[in-house]
Amino acid sequence: MANKGALYLIPTTLGDTAETADVIPVKVNQLINTIDEYIVENEKSARHYLKKIGIQKPLQEIILHPLNQHTETKNISAYLNAIEKGKNIGIISEAGCPGIADPGAEVVKLAHEKNITVCPLVGPSSILLALIASGFNGQSFAFSGYLPKERNERIKKIKELEKTAQQKNQTQLFIETPYRNMHLLEDMLITCDAKTLLCIACDITLPTEFIKTKTISDWKKQLPAINKRPAIFLIYK
């Protein structure tokens, strides 16, 4: 009986304009040429990334399993069958590291249930990069993902996060769909205390990277141009 393969969590760049040599370790480049099956969010962008990072195998020979909101759990489980036969499989996220604000977490959970070895690979994480660049508390922090779409609920959540940051001395991180960045920022500016610190980290690791920490009062004086740009927001007392 063949030994089991492993599930590799393969990092990607945080944007298409990033130089892979600057943010993706050589080990990742080497590993992709030993794998011929991947679980991916978007097949087109996954093929583009594999080509960009230097895969040597013909792309038409690579098997890509789709993983999105329409993928059923039974199909996800079937994706891992090749591992039982000794093959390695990789997970590729749309940006950054799989499993964080990403459907890849469900695959990893199933892998553990099947006693499959899970191998995380080093790569860029917008959450950690924003945190270390913010100047905020790096020993106690929480990532809340996307805030509510409905404005009243979003404002309520912002108040809760600000209160938690103040009471627990804990950095609060969250994200928004890029085209709603300015709506979120405007809500924070009218909701948070003038002295509350807000860090906006945008286009991390890209040539257009913008990372700045200011008080809410100072942000009101000049709004940053972050519309339709991937960003992460952090608030602290």
Protein backbone atom coordinates (compact mmCIF):
# COMPACT_ATOMS: atom_id res chain seq x y z
CA MET A 1 0.00 0.00 0.00
CA ALA A 2 1.38 3.40 -0.98
CA ASN A 3 2.32 5.87 1.73
CA LYS A 4 0.00 8.84 2.08
CA GLY A 5 0.87 12.08 0.39
CA ALA A 6 0.55 15.48 2.09
CA LEU A 7 -1.55 18.60 1.75
CA TYR A 8 0.59 21.68 1.04
CA LEU A 9 -0.71 25.17 1.80
CA ILE A 10 0.84 27.24 -0.97
CA PRO A 11 1.09 31.02 -0.49
CA THR A 12 0.48 33.47 -3.30
CA THR A 13 1.27 37.14 -3.76
CA LEU A 14 -1.09 39.77 -2.36
CA GLY A 15 -1.59 41.26 -5.81
CA ASP A 16 -0.67 40.60 -9.42
CA THR A 17 1.85 43.45 -9.54
CA ALA A 18 4.00 41.95 -6.78
CA GLU A 19 7.32 40.43 -7.78
CA THR A 20 7.18 36.76 -6.81
CA ALA A 21 10.93 36.67 -6.15
CA ASP A 22 10.48 39.35 -3.47
CA VAL A 23 7.74 37.64 -1.46
CA ILE A 24 7.61 33.93 -2.36
CA PRO A 25 10.41 31.63 -1.07
CA VAL A 26 12.42 29.50 -3.50
CA LYS A 27 11.09 26.36 -1.79
CA VAL A 28 7.60 27.16 -3.10
CA ASN A 29 8.93 27.43 -6.66
CA GLN A 30 10.60 24.06 -6.28
CA LEU A 31 7.58 22.38 -4.70
CA ILE A 32 5.05 23.30 -7.37
CA ASN A 33 6.97 21.16 -9.85
CA THR A 34 6.38 18.07 -7.70
CA ILE A 35 2.59 18.53 -7.52
CA ASP A 36 0.07 17.97 -10.29
CA GLU A 37 -3.21 18.47 -8.40
CA TYR A 38 -4.38 21.67 -6.74
CA ILE A 39 -7.46 22.88 -4.89
CA VAL A 40 -8.11 26.46 -5.95
CA GLU A 41 -10.66 29.27 -5.62
CA ASN A 42 -10.38 30.38 -9.24
CA GLU A 43 -8.94 28.17 -11.98
CA LYS A 44 -7.91 31.01 -14.30
CA SER A 45 -6.01 32.99 -11.67
CA ALA A 46 -4.44 29.79 -10.27
CA ARG A 47 -3.04 28.86 -13.70
CA HIS A 48 -1.77 32.43 -14.11
CA TYR A 49 -0.02 32.28 -10.74
CA LEU A 50 1.56 28.88 -11.39
CA LYS A 51 2.88 30.17 -14.71
CA LYS A 52 4.17 33.36 -13.12
CA ILE A 53 5.97 31.52 -10.35
CA GLY A 54 7.75 29.28 -12.85
CA ILE A 55 5.98 25.93 -13.08
CA GLN A 56 7.71 23.69 -15.59
CA LYS A 57 4.93 21.17 -16.16
CA PRO A 58 2.51 21.92 -19.02
CA LEU A 59 -0.50 23.67 -17.48
CA GLN A 60 -2.90 21.43 -19.39
CA GLU A 61 -1.55 18.47 -17.39
CA ILE A 62 -2.34 20.13 -14.05
CA ILE A 63 -5.60 19.09 -12.34
CA LEU A 64 -7.42 21.95 -10.64
CA HIS A 65 -10.29 21.29 -8.23
CA PRO A 66 -12.60 24.32 -7.72
CA LEU A 67 -13.25 25.48 -4.16
CA ASN A 68 -15.88 28.18 -3.70
CA GLN A 69 -19.25 28.85 -2.09
CA HIS A 70 -20.89 26.33 -4.41
CA THR A 71 -18.54 23.42 -3.59
CA GLU A 72 -20.21 20.70 -1.54
CA THR A 73 -18.46 19.07 1.41
CA LYS A 74 -18.63 15.63 -0.23
CA ASN A 75 -16.72 17.02 -3.24
CA ILE A 76 -14.07 18.57 -1.00
CA SER A 77 -13.55 15.20 0.64
CA ALA A 78 -13.17 13.56 -2.78
CA TYR A 79 -10.47 16.09 -3.70
CA LEU A 80 -8.25 14.50 -1.07
CA ASN A 81 -8.54 10.96 -2.47
CA ALA A 82 -5.27 11.24 -4.40
CA ILE A 83 -3.42 11.82 -1.13
CA GLU A 84 -4.54 8.40 0.07
CA LYS A 85 -2.79 6.98 -3.01
CA GLY A 86 0.50 8.69 -2.21
CA LYS A 87 0.16 11.94 -4.15
CA ASN A 88 0.75 15.43 -2.77
CA ILE A 89 -1.93 18.07 -3.30
CA GLY A 90 -1.61 21.84 -2.99
CA ILE A 91 -4.12 24.51 -1.94
CA ILE A 92 -3.82 27.90 -3.64
CA SER A 93 -5.68 30.92 -2.28
CA GLU A 94 -6.62 33.97 -4.33
CA ALA A 95 -4.21 36.08 -2.26
CA GLY A 96 -1.79 35.42 0.56
CA CYS A 97 -1.90 32.28 2.69
CA PRO A 98 -4.65 29.64 2.40
CA GLY A 99 -6.96 29.14 5.36
CA ILE A 100 -7.15 32.75 6.59
CA ALA A 101 -10.38 34.47 5.51
CA ASP A 102 -10.34 31.76 2.88
CA PRO A 103 -12.36 28.60 2.12
CA GLY A 104 -9.18 26.51 2.27
CA ALA A 105 -9.73 26.13 6.02
CA GLU A 106 -12.48 23.58 5.34
CA VAL A 107 -10.07 21.45 3.31
CA VAL A 108 -7.48 21.57 6.07
CA LYS A 109 -10.09 20.54 8.65
CA LEU A 110 -11.02 17.50 6.57
CA ALA A 111 -7.35 16.63 6.07
CA HIS A 112 -6.85 16.46 9.83
CA GLU A 113 -9.94 14.27 10.19
CA LYS A 114 -8.43 11.91 7.59
CA ASN A 115 -5.05 11.93 9.39
CA ILE A 116 -3.37 13.62 6.43
CA THR A 117 -0.18 15.58 6.99
CA VAL A 118 -0.71 19.33 6.52
CA CYS A 119 2.32 21.41 5.47
CA PRO A 120 2.00 25.22 5.68
CA LEU A 121 4.52 27.12 3.57
CA VAL A 122 5.96 30.54 4.32
CA GLY A 123 4.46 33.42 2.37
CA PRO A 124 2.93 36.90 2.68
CA SER A 125 0.04 37.40 5.12
CA SER A 126 -1.64 40.80 4.94
CA ILE A 127 -2.86 40.39 8.51
CA LEU A 128 0.57 39.87 10.06
CA LEU A 129 2.33 42.37 7.80
CA ALA A 130 -0.24 45.05 8.63
CA LEU A 131 -0.02 44.27 12.34
CA ILE A 132 3.76 44.54 12.58
CA ALA A 133 3.72 47.76 10.54
CA SER A 134 0.97 49.42 12.59
CA GLY A 135 2.81 49.99 15.85
CA PHE A 136 -0.12 48.44 17.72
CA ASN A 137 -0.20 45.64 20.30
CA GLY A 138 1.25 42.51 18.68
CA GLN A 139 0.75 40.27 21.72
CA SER A 140 -3.02 40.58 21.89
CA PHE A 141 -4.97 41.03 18.68
CA ALA A 142 -8.09 39.76 16.92
CA PHE A 143 -9.06 39.50 13.25
CA SER A 144 -12.78 39.90 12.58
CA GLY A 145 -12.77 39.43 8.82
CA TYR A 146 -15.49 41.32 6.95
CA LEU A 147 -17.77 43.65 8.87
CA PRO A 148 -21.55 43.63 8.25
CA LYS A 149 -22.74 45.03 4.89
CA GLU A 150 -25.77 46.79 6.37
CA ARG A 151 -24.67 50.24 7.55
CA ASN A 152 -26.35 50.33 10.95
CA GLU A 153 -25.00 46.88 11.78
CA ARG A 154 -21.56 47.90 10.52
CA ILE A 155 -21.49 51.00 12.72
CA LYS A 156 -22.61 48.90 15.69
CA LYS A 157 -19.73 46.46 15.05
CA ILE A 158 -17.21 49.29 14.75
CA LYS A 159 -18.29 50.58 18.16
CA GLU A 160 -17.92 47.10 19.64
CA LEU A 161 -14.42 46.67 18.20
CA GLU A 162 -13.31 50.09 19.43
CA LYS A 163 -14.64 49.31 22.93
CA THR A 164 -12.80 45.96 22.94
CA ALA A 165 -9.56 47.64 21.84
CA GLN A 166 -9.86 50.13 24.69
CA GLN A 167 -10.93 47.73 27.43
CA LYS A 168 -8.70 44.78 26.56
CA ASN A 169 -5.70 46.67 25.17
CA GLN A 170 -6.19 44.52 22.08
CA THR A 171 -5.55 45.40 18.42
CA GLN A 172 -8.63 44.89 16.23
CA LEU A 173 -8.13 43.98 12.55
CA PHE A 174 -10.77 43.72 9.82
CA ILE A 175 -11.21 43.98 6.06
CA GLU A 176 -13.72 45.12 3.48
CA THR A 177 -14.47 44.45 -0.16
CA PRO A 178 -12.22 46.99 -1.96
CA TYR A 179 -15.06 48.91 -3.63
CA ARG A 180 -16.62 49.51 -0.18
CA ASN A 181 -13.40 50.71 1.49
CA MET A 182 -14.43 54.37 1.54
CA HIS A 183 -17.86 53.59 3.00
CA LEU A 184 -16.19 51.70 5.85
CA LEU A 185 -13.65 54.46 6.41
CA GLU A 186 -16.34 57.14 6.49
CA ASP A 187 -18.30 55.14 9.05
CA MET A 188 -15.21 54.79 11.24
CA LEU A 189 -14.51 58.51 11.07
CA ILE A 190 -18.00 59.43 12.31
CA THR A 191 -18.21 56.60 14.85
CA CYS A 192 -14.86 56.33 16.61
CA ASP A 193 -13.41 58.64 19.22
CA ALA A 194 -11.13 61.36 17.87
CA LYS A 195 -8.15 59.93 19.78
CA THR A 196 -8.63 56.32 18.63
CA LEU A 197 -5.74 55.13 16.50
CA LEU A 198 -6.48 53.78 13.04
CA CYS A 199 -3.95 52.09 10.76
CA ILE A 200 -4.78 51.66 7.10
CA ALA A 201 -2.60 49.15 5.23
CA CYS A 202 -3.26 49.10 1.51
CA ASP A 203 -1.63 47.22 -1.41
CA ILE A 204 0.76 45.48 0.99
CA THR A 205 4.00 44.28 -0.73
CA LEU A 206 2.95 45.91 -4.01
CA PRO A 207 4.73 48.87 -5.67
CA THR A 208 1.78 51.06 -4.59
CA GLU A 209 1.95 50.00 -0.91
CA PHE A 210 0.48 52.47 1.56
CA ILE A 211 0.64 51.94 5.32
CA LYS A 212 -0.10 54.75 7.76
CA THR A 213 -1.19 55.04 11.41
CA LYS A 214 -2.99 58.18 12.58
CA THR A 215 -5.66 59.21 15.05
CA ILE A 216 -9.22 59.41 13.80
CA SER A 217 -8.95 63.18 14.19
CA ASP A 218 -5.93 63.33 11.88
CA TRP A 219 -7.48 61.01 9.28
CA LYS A 220 -10.43 63.41 9.00
CA LYS A 221 -8.08 66.12 7.74
CA GLN A 222 -7.10 64.14 4.64
CA LEU A 223 -8.71 60.95 3.37
CA PRO A 224 -6.43 58.41 1.67
CA ALA A 225 -7.14 57.21 -1.88
CA ILE A 226 -7.99 53.58 -1.09
CA ASN A 227 -11.08 53.02 -3.20
CA LYS A 228 -11.01 49.66 -5.03
CA ARG A 229 -7.61 48.78 -3.52
CA PRO A 230 -7.13 45.74 -1.22
CA ALA A 231 -6.79 47.07 2.30
CA ILE A 232 -6.79 45.97 5.91
CA PHE A 233 -7.88 48.19 8.79
CA LEU A 234 -6.63 48.15 12.38
CA ILE A 235 -7.89 50.12 15.37
CA TYR A 236 -6.26 50.52 18.75
CA LYS A 237 -6.64 52.77 21.75
